[in-house]
Amino acid sequence: MRPVLTLLLVAILLQSCESANNQRPPAQYEEKKASLEEIERDSPLKFLKVSAFHRGNLVNQTVVKGEVINKATLTTYKDVQISITFLDKEGTVIEKEKETLSAPVSPGETNEFKIKTGHVKGASSVTVDIVKAIADK
């Protein structure tokens, strides 16, 4: 009698687990997911972050190394355009350059980059900002 009850209990548990896995998410979930995807696609600058530092090299170039972080949950971004601003000791802009990073940045990923530019005379600091990006379809 006891093995039959145990077998019956296991069968009921397996059946209840199986039926829970066959259920589809509610329509509201799909609508929220689509809405989030639209927000991420329409405003990439809210979800992309950049950090960088610079140094000089032996052939008189400025090397800017950094990383682009994608904080979106559903959208991959490609052709991330960054602006590199060279500043003097007082914080005055000396020169600006734009570069496009071709490697796509998937949701939750971090991509590193390295850009070599000509030496900018009098530059003591460099700032890097994301100007634009394209949502990958």
N, C-alpha and C. Protein backbone atom coordinates (compact mmCIF):
# COMPACT_ATOMS: atom_id res chain seq x y z
N MET A 1 0.82 -1.19 0.00
CA MET A 1 0.00 0.00 0.00
C MET A 1 0.87 1.26 0.00
N ARG A 2 1.93 1.27 0.81
CA ARG A 2 2.79 2.44 0.91
C ARG A 2 3.51 2.73 -0.42
N PRO A 3 4.06 1.74 -1.15
CA PRO A 3 4.71 2.01 -2.44
C PRO A 3 3.71 2.56 -3.47
N VAL A 4 2.47 2.13 -3.39
CA VAL A 4 1.46 2.61 -4.34
C VAL A 4 1.17 4.10 -4.07
N LEU A 5 1.07 4.47 -2.80
CA LEU A 5 0.83 5.88 -2.46
C LEU A 5 2.02 6.76 -2.88
N THR A 6 3.22 6.23 -2.65
CA THR A 6 4.42 6.98 -3.04
C THR A 6 4.46 7.16 -4.55
N LEU A 7 4.16 6.12 -5.28
CA LEU A 7 4.15 6.17 -6.74
C LEU A 7 3.08 7.15 -7.23
N LEU A 8 1.92 7.14 -6.60
CA LEU A 8 0.84 8.06 -6.97
C LEU A 8 1.23 9.51 -6.69
N LEU A 9 1.88 9.76 -5.55
CA LEU A 9 2.33 11.10 -5.20
C LEU A 9 3.39 11.61 -6.20
N VAL A 10 4.33 10.76 -6.58
CA VAL A 10 5.36 11.14 -7.55
C VAL A 10 4.72 11.44 -8.90
N ALA A 11 3.75 10.66 -9.31
CA ALA A 11 3.07 10.88 -10.58
C ALA A 11 2.33 12.22 -10.59
N ILE A 12 1.70 12.56 -9.48
CA ILE A 12 0.98 13.84 -9.38
C ILE A 12 1.97 15.01 -9.44
N LEU A 13 3.09 14.89 -8.75
CA LEU A 13 4.10 15.95 -8.78
C LEU A 13 4.68 16.14 -10.18
N LEU A 14 4.97 15.05 -10.86
CA LEU A 14 5.50 15.15 -12.22
C LEU A 14 4.49 15.80 -13.16
N GLN A 15 3.25 15.45 -13.02
CA GLN A 15 2.20 16.01 -13.87
C GLN A 15 2.05 17.51 -13.63
N SER A 16 2.12 17.93 -12.38
CA SER A 16 1.96 19.36 -12.08
C SER A 16 3.17 20.15 -12.58
N CYS A 17 4.37 19.59 -12.50
CA CYS A 17 5.56 20.28 -13.02
C CYS A 17 5.49 20.40 -14.53
N GLU A 18 5.04 19.37 -15.18
CA GLU A 18 4.96 19.37 -16.64
C GLU A 18 3.94 20.40 -17.13
N SER A 19 2.83 20.52 -16.47
CA SER A 19 1.81 21.47 -16.91
C SER A 19 2.27 22.91 -16.70
N ALA A 20 3.09 23.17 -15.68
CA ALA A 20 3.58 24.53 -15.45
C ALA A 20 4.56 24.94 -16.55
N ASN A 21 5.34 24.00 -17.07
CA ASN A 21 6.30 24.32 -18.12
C ASN A 21 5.64 24.55 -19.47
N ASN A 22 4.45 24.04 -19.67
CA ASN A 22 3.77 24.20 -20.94
C ASN A 22 3.01 25.50 -21.06
N GLN A 23 2.91 26.25 -19.99
CA GLN A 23 2.16 27.50 -20.03
C GLN A 23 2.95 28.57 -20.77
N ARG A 24 2.24 29.41 -21.51
CA ARG A 24 2.84 30.54 -22.22
C ARG A 24 2.81 31.77 -21.31
N PRO A 25 3.78 32.68 -21.48
CA PRO A 25 3.73 33.91 -20.69
C PRO A 25 2.51 34.73 -21.08
N PRO A 26 1.98 35.50 -20.15
CA PRO A 26 0.79 36.29 -20.46
C PRO A 26 1.09 37.35 -21.53
N ALA A 27 0.05 37.79 -22.20
CA ALA A 27 0.18 38.78 -23.26
C ALA A 27 0.79 40.08 -22.74
N GLN A 28 0.51 40.43 -21.50
CA GLN A 28 1.07 41.66 -20.92
C GLN A 28 2.59 41.61 -20.89
N TYR A 29 3.14 40.43 -20.62
CA TYR A 29 4.59 40.28 -20.60
C TYR A 29 5.16 40.59 -21.97
N GLU A 30 4.55 40.04 -23.02
CA GLU A 30 5.03 40.27 -24.38
C GLU A 30 4.91 41.74 -24.76
N GLU A 31 3.86 42.42 -24.31
CA GLU A 31 3.68 43.83 -24.61
C GLU A 31 4.76 44.66 -23.91
N LYS A 32 5.05 44.35 -22.64
CA LYS A 32 6.09 45.07 -21.91
C LYS A 32 7.45 44.85 -22.55
N LYS A 33 7.70 43.62 -22.99
CA LYS A 33 8.97 43.30 -23.64
C LYS A 33 9.11 44.10 -24.93
N ALA A 34 8.05 44.18 -25.73
CA ALA A 34 8.08 44.96 -26.97
C ALA A 34 8.28 46.43 -26.67
N SER A 35 7.63 46.93 -25.62
CA SER A 35 7.77 48.33 -25.24
C SER A 35 9.20 48.64 -24.81
N LEU A 36 9.80 47.77 -24.02
CA LEU A 36 11.17 47.96 -23.58
C LEU A 36 12.12 47.94 -24.77
N GLU A 37 11.88 47.05 -25.70
CA GLU A 37 12.72 46.97 -26.89
C GLU A 37 12.64 48.25 -27.72
N GLU A 38 11.46 48.83 -27.83
CA GLU A 38 11.29 50.10 -28.54
C GLU A 38 12.05 51.23 -27.85
N ILE A 39 11.96 51.28 -26.53
CA ILE A 39 12.67 52.32 -25.76
C ILE A 39 14.17 52.18 -25.97
N GLU A 40 14.69 50.96 -25.88
CA GLU A 40 16.11 50.73 -26.06
C GLU A 40 16.55 51.08 -27.48
N ARG A 41 15.73 50.74 -28.46
CA ARG A 41 16.06 51.02 -29.86
C ARG A 41 16.06 52.52 -30.15
N ASP A 42 15.11 53.25 -29.56
CA ASP A 42 14.96 54.67 -29.85
C ASP A 42 15.93 55.58 -29.09
N SER A 43 16.48 55.12 -27.99
CA SER A 43 17.38 55.99 -27.20
C SER A 43 18.63 55.22 -26.74
N PRO A 44 19.54 54.95 -27.66
CA PRO A 44 20.72 54.17 -27.30
C PRO A 44 21.65 54.87 -26.32
N LEU A 45 21.66 56.20 -26.31
CA LEU A 45 22.59 56.90 -25.41
C LEU A 45 22.23 56.72 -23.95
N LYS A 46 20.99 56.34 -23.67
CA LYS A 46 20.59 56.07 -22.28
C LYS A 46 21.16 54.73 -21.79
N PHE A 47 21.49 53.84 -22.71
CA PHE A 47 21.89 52.49 -22.33
C PHE A 47 23.37 52.19 -22.59
N LEU A 48 24.06 53.08 -23.28
CA LEU A 48 25.48 52.89 -23.55
C LEU A 48 26.31 53.83 -22.68
N LYS A 49 27.36 53.30 -22.10
CA LYS A 49 28.28 54.08 -21.26
C LYS A 49 29.70 53.85 -21.78
N VAL A 50 30.53 54.87 -21.65
CA VAL A 50 31.91 54.75 -22.10
C VAL A 50 32.84 55.26 -21.00
N SER A 51 33.99 54.60 -20.87
CA SER A 51 35.04 55.08 -19.98
C SER A 51 36.36 54.88 -20.73
N ALA A 52 37.29 55.81 -20.55
CA ALA A 52 38.54 55.74 -21.29
C ALA A 52 39.66 56.48 -20.57
N PHE A 53 40.88 56.19 -20.98
CA PHE A 53 42.05 56.92 -20.51
C PHE A 53 42.99 57.07 -21.70
N HIS A 54 43.97 57.95 -21.58
CA HIS A 54 44.90 58.16 -22.68
C HIS A 54 46.35 58.12 -22.19
N ARG A 55 47.23 57.92 -23.16
CA ARG A 55 48.67 57.94 -22.89
C ARG A 55 49.37 58.24 -24.20
N GLY A 56 50.61 58.62 -24.12
CA GLY A 56 51.43 58.84 -25.31
C GLY A 56 52.23 57.58 -25.60
N ASN A 57 52.65 57.41 -26.86
CA ASN A 57 53.51 56.28 -27.17
C ASN A 57 54.83 56.78 -27.74
N LEU A 58 55.71 55.88 -28.13
CA LEU A 58 57.06 56.24 -28.55
C LEU A 58 57.11 56.92 -29.92
N VAL A 59 56.09 56.78 -30.73
CA VAL A 59 56.10 57.38 -32.07
C VAL A 59 55.27 58.67 -32.09
N ASN A 60 55.17 59.31 -30.94
CA ASN A 60 54.51 60.62 -30.79
C ASN A 60 53.02 60.58 -31.18
N GLN A 61 52.33 59.55 -30.74
CA GLN A 61 50.88 59.45 -30.94
C GLN A 61 50.20 59.45 -29.57
N THR A 62 48.93 59.84 -29.58
CA THR A 62 48.11 59.72 -28.38
C THR A 62 47.29 58.44 -28.54
N VAL A 63 47.35 57.58 -27.54
CA VAL A 63 46.60 56.33 -27.55
C VAL A 63 45.46 56.45 -26.56
N VAL A 64 44.24 56.28 -27.05
CA VAL A 64 43.06 56.33 -26.19
C VAL A 64 42.53 54.90 -26.07
N LYS A 65 42.52 54.39 -24.85
CA LYS A 65 42.01 53.03 -24.59
C LYS A 65 40.78 53.16 -23.69
N GLY A 66 39.78 52.34 -23.97
CA GLY A 66 38.58 52.39 -23.15
C GLY A 66 37.66 51.23 -23.40
N GLU A 67 36.44 51.39 -22.90
CA GLU A 67 35.44 50.35 -23.05
C GLU A 67 34.06 50.97 -23.18
N VAL A 68 33.22 50.30 -23.98
CA VAL A 68 31.82 50.69 -24.15
C VAL A 68 30.99 49.60 -23.48
N ILE A 69 30.10 50.03 -22.58
CA ILE A 69 29.26 49.09 -21.83
C ILE A 69 27.81 49.25 -22.28
N ASN A 70 27.17 48.14 -22.64
CA ASN A 70 25.77 48.15 -23.05
C ASN A 70 24.92 47.68 -21.87
N LYS A 71 24.14 48.59 -21.30
CA LYS A 71 23.29 48.26 -20.15
C LYS A 71 21.87 47.88 -20.58
N ALA A 72 21.61 47.80 -21.88
CA ALA A 72 20.30 47.39 -22.37
C ALA A 72 20.12 45.90 -22.11
N THR A 73 18.86 45.46 -22.09
CA THR A 73 18.59 44.05 -21.84
C THR A 73 18.20 43.28 -23.10
N LEU A 74 17.77 43.98 -24.14
CA LEU A 74 17.29 43.30 -25.34
C LEU A 74 17.98 43.74 -26.64
N THR A 75 18.61 44.91 -26.65
CA THR A 75 19.07 45.50 -27.90
C THR A 75 20.60 45.48 -28.03
N THR A 76 21.06 45.07 -29.20
CA THR A 76 22.47 45.13 -29.56
C THR A 76 22.70 46.41 -30.35
N TYR A 77 23.79 47.11 -30.07
CA TYR A 77 24.09 48.35 -30.77
C TYR A 77 25.34 48.16 -31.63
N LYS A 78 25.33 48.79 -32.81
CA LYS A 78 26.48 48.72 -33.70
C LYS A 78 26.84 50.13 -34.15
N ASP A 79 27.99 50.27 -34.79
CA ASP A 79 28.48 51.56 -35.29
C ASP A 79 28.38 52.65 -34.22
N VAL A 80 28.96 52.37 -33.06
CA VAL A 80 28.96 53.34 -31.96
C VAL A 80 29.95 54.45 -32.30
N GLN A 81 29.44 55.67 -32.38
CA GLN A 81 30.29 56.82 -32.70
C GLN A 81 30.68 57.54 -31.41
N ILE A 82 31.99 57.72 -31.22
CA ILE A 82 32.46 58.40 -30.02
C ILE A 82 33.16 59.70 -30.40
N SER A 83 33.11 60.66 -29.50
CA SER A 83 33.78 61.93 -29.66
C SER A 83 34.92 61.99 -28.66
N ILE A 84 36.12 62.30 -29.17
CA ILE A 84 37.30 62.42 -28.32
C ILE A 84 37.65 63.91 -28.25
N THR A 85 37.66 64.46 -27.06
CA THR A 85 37.94 65.88 -26.86
C THR A 85 39.25 66.03 -26.09
N PHE A 86 40.18 66.79 -26.67
CA PHE A 86 41.48 67.04 -26.04
C PHE A 86 41.41 68.39 -25.34
N LEU A 87 41.79 68.41 -24.06
CA LEU A 87 41.72 69.62 -23.24
C LEU A 87 43.10 70.01 -22.74
N ASP A 88 43.31 71.34 -22.56
CA ASP A 88 44.56 71.79 -21.98
C ASP A 88 44.44 71.80 -20.45
N LYS A 89 45.44 72.33 -19.77
CA LYS A 89 45.46 72.32 -18.30
C LYS A 89 44.31 73.10 -17.68
N GLU A 90 43.84 74.13 -18.36
CA GLU A 90 42.73 74.95 -17.85
C GLU A 90 41.36 74.36 -18.19
N GLY A 91 41.33 73.32 -18.99
CA GLY A 91 40.06 72.71 -19.39
C GLY A 91 39.49 73.25 -20.68
N THR A 92 40.27 74.03 -21.42
CA THR A 92 39.84 74.58 -22.70
C THR A 92 39.99 73.52 -23.78
N VAL A 93 39.02 73.43 -24.66
CA VAL A 93 39.05 72.45 -25.74
C VAL A 93 40.12 72.87 -26.76
N ILE A 94 41.02 71.96 -27.05
CA ILE A 94 42.06 72.19 -28.05
C ILE A 94 41.63 71.60 -29.40
N GLU A 95 41.14 70.36 -29.34
CA GLU A 95 40.78 69.67 -30.58
C GLU A 95 39.73 68.60 -30.27
N LYS A 96 38.88 68.30 -31.29
CA LYS A 96 37.88 67.24 -31.18
C LYS A 96 38.03 66.30 -32.37
N GLU A 97 37.82 65.02 -32.10
CA GLU A 97 37.83 64.01 -33.15
C GLU A 97 36.64 63.08 -32.95
N LYS A 98 36.14 62.51 -34.05
CA LYS A 98 35.08 61.51 -33.96
C LYS A 98 35.59 60.22 -34.56
N GLU A 99 35.26 59.12 -33.91
CA GLU A 99 35.63 57.78 -34.37
C GLU A 99 34.40 56.89 -34.28
N THR A 100 34.32 55.93 -35.19
CA THR A 100 33.22 54.96 -35.17
C THR A 100 33.78 53.59 -34.83
N LEU A 101 33.20 52.97 -33.81
CA LEU A 101 33.59 51.62 -33.40
C LEU A 101 32.67 50.64 -34.09
N SER A 102 33.22 49.78 -34.92
CA SER A 102 32.39 48.91 -35.74
C SER A 102 31.92 47.64 -35.03
N ALA A 103 32.59 47.24 -33.98
CA ALA A 103 32.22 46.00 -33.28
C ALA A 103 30.88 46.18 -32.57
N PRO A 104 29.92 45.27 -32.79
CA PRO A 104 28.63 45.39 -32.11
C PRO A 104 28.77 45.11 -30.61
N VAL A 105 27.91 45.79 -29.83
CA VAL A 105 27.91 45.61 -28.38
C VAL A 105 26.58 44.96 -28.01
N SER A 106 26.63 43.72 -27.60
CA SER A 106 25.42 42.97 -27.25
C SER A 106 24.91 43.39 -25.87
N PRO A 107 23.65 43.06 -25.57
CA PRO A 107 23.09 43.41 -24.26
C PRO A 107 23.92 42.85 -23.11
N GLY A 108 24.24 43.73 -22.16
CA GLY A 108 25.00 43.31 -20.98
C GLY A 108 26.48 43.11 -21.23
N GLU A 109 26.98 43.38 -22.43
CA GLU A 109 28.38 43.16 -22.74
C GLU A 109 29.20 44.43 -22.64
N THR A 110 30.50 44.25 -22.57
CA THR A 110 31.46 45.34 -22.57
C THR A 110 32.46 45.08 -23.70
N ASN A 111 32.65 46.08 -24.57
CA ASN A 111 33.63 45.98 -25.65
C ASN A 111 34.75 46.97 -25.40
N GLU A 112 35.98 46.48 -25.53
CA GLU A 112 37.14 47.35 -25.36
C GLU A 112 37.55 47.93 -26.71
N PHE A 113 38.16 49.12 -26.68
CA PHE A 113 38.65 49.74 -27.90
C PHE A 113 39.99 50.41 -27.64
N LYS A 114 40.72 50.63 -28.74
CA LYS A 114 42.01 51.31 -28.68
C LYS A 114 42.12 52.15 -29.95
N ILE A 115 42.33 53.45 -29.78
CA ILE A 115 42.42 54.37 -30.91
C ILE A 115 43.73 55.12 -30.82
N LYS A 116 44.45 55.15 -31.92
CA LYS A 116 45.70 55.91 -31.98
C LYS A 116 45.45 57.14 -32.84
N THR A 117 45.82 58.31 -32.32
CA THR A 117 45.67 59.56 -33.06
C THR A 117 47.00 60.30 -33.04
N GLY A 118 47.09 61.30 -33.88
CA GLY A 118 48.28 62.14 -33.87
C GLY A 118 48.39 62.86 -32.54
N HIS A 119 49.60 63.22 -32.17
CA HIS A 119 49.82 63.92 -30.91
C HIS A 119 49.19 65.31 -30.97
N VAL A 120 48.45 65.67 -29.95
CA VAL A 120 47.84 66.99 -29.87
C VAL A 120 48.66 67.81 -28.89
N LYS A 121 49.33 68.83 -29.41
CA LYS A 121 50.24 69.64 -28.59
C LYS A 121 49.45 70.41 -27.53
N GLY A 122 49.90 70.34 -26.30
CA GLY A 122 49.29 71.07 -25.20
C GLY A 122 48.14 70.36 -24.51
N ALA A 123 47.79 69.18 -24.96
CA ALA A 123 46.68 68.44 -24.35
C ALA A 123 47.15 67.78 -23.06
N SER A 124 46.43 68.04 -21.98
CA SER A 124 46.78 67.40 -20.72
C SER A 124 45.72 66.39 -20.28
N SER A 125 44.54 66.46 -20.88
CA SER A 125 43.50 65.48 -20.57
C SER A 125 42.64 65.22 -21.80
N VAL A 126 41.95 64.10 -21.75
CA VAL A 126 41.10 63.68 -22.85
C VAL A 126 39.77 63.22 -22.27
N THR A 127 38.66 63.65 -22.90
CA THR A 127 37.34 63.13 -22.53
C THR A 127 36.77 62.38 -23.72
N VAL A 128 36.01 61.34 -23.43
CA VAL A 128 35.40 60.52 -24.46
C VAL A 128 33.91 60.42 -24.17
N ASP A 129 33.09 60.70 -25.18
CA ASP A 129 31.63 60.62 -25.05
C ASP A 129 31.06 59.86 -26.23
N ILE A 130 29.93 59.20 -26.01
CA ILE A 130 29.22 58.54 -27.10
C ILE A 130 28.29 59.57 -27.74
N VAL A 131 28.38 59.69 -29.05
CA VAL A 131 27.58 60.65 -29.80
C VAL A 131 26.33 59.99 -30.37
N LYS A 132 26.51 58.79 -30.94
CA LYS A 132 25.36 58.09 -31.52
C LYS A 132 25.68 56.62 -31.68
N ALA A 133 24.64 55.83 -31.84
CA ALA A 133 24.77 54.39 -32.09
C ALA A 133 23.53 53.93 -32.83
N ILE A 134 23.66 52.81 -33.52
CA ILE A 134 22.55 52.26 -34.27
C ILE A 134 22.13 50.94 -33.63
N ALA A 135 20.82 50.82 -33.42
CA ALA A 135 20.29 49.57 -32.86
C ALA A 135 20.32 48.51 -33.94
N ASP A 136 20.90 47.37 -33.62
CA ASP A 136 20.98 46.25 -34.57
C ASP A 136 19.65 45.53 -34.60
N LYS A 137 19.18 45.20 -35.76
CA LYS A 137 17.86 44.57 -35.88
C LYS A 137 17.93 43.08 -35.77
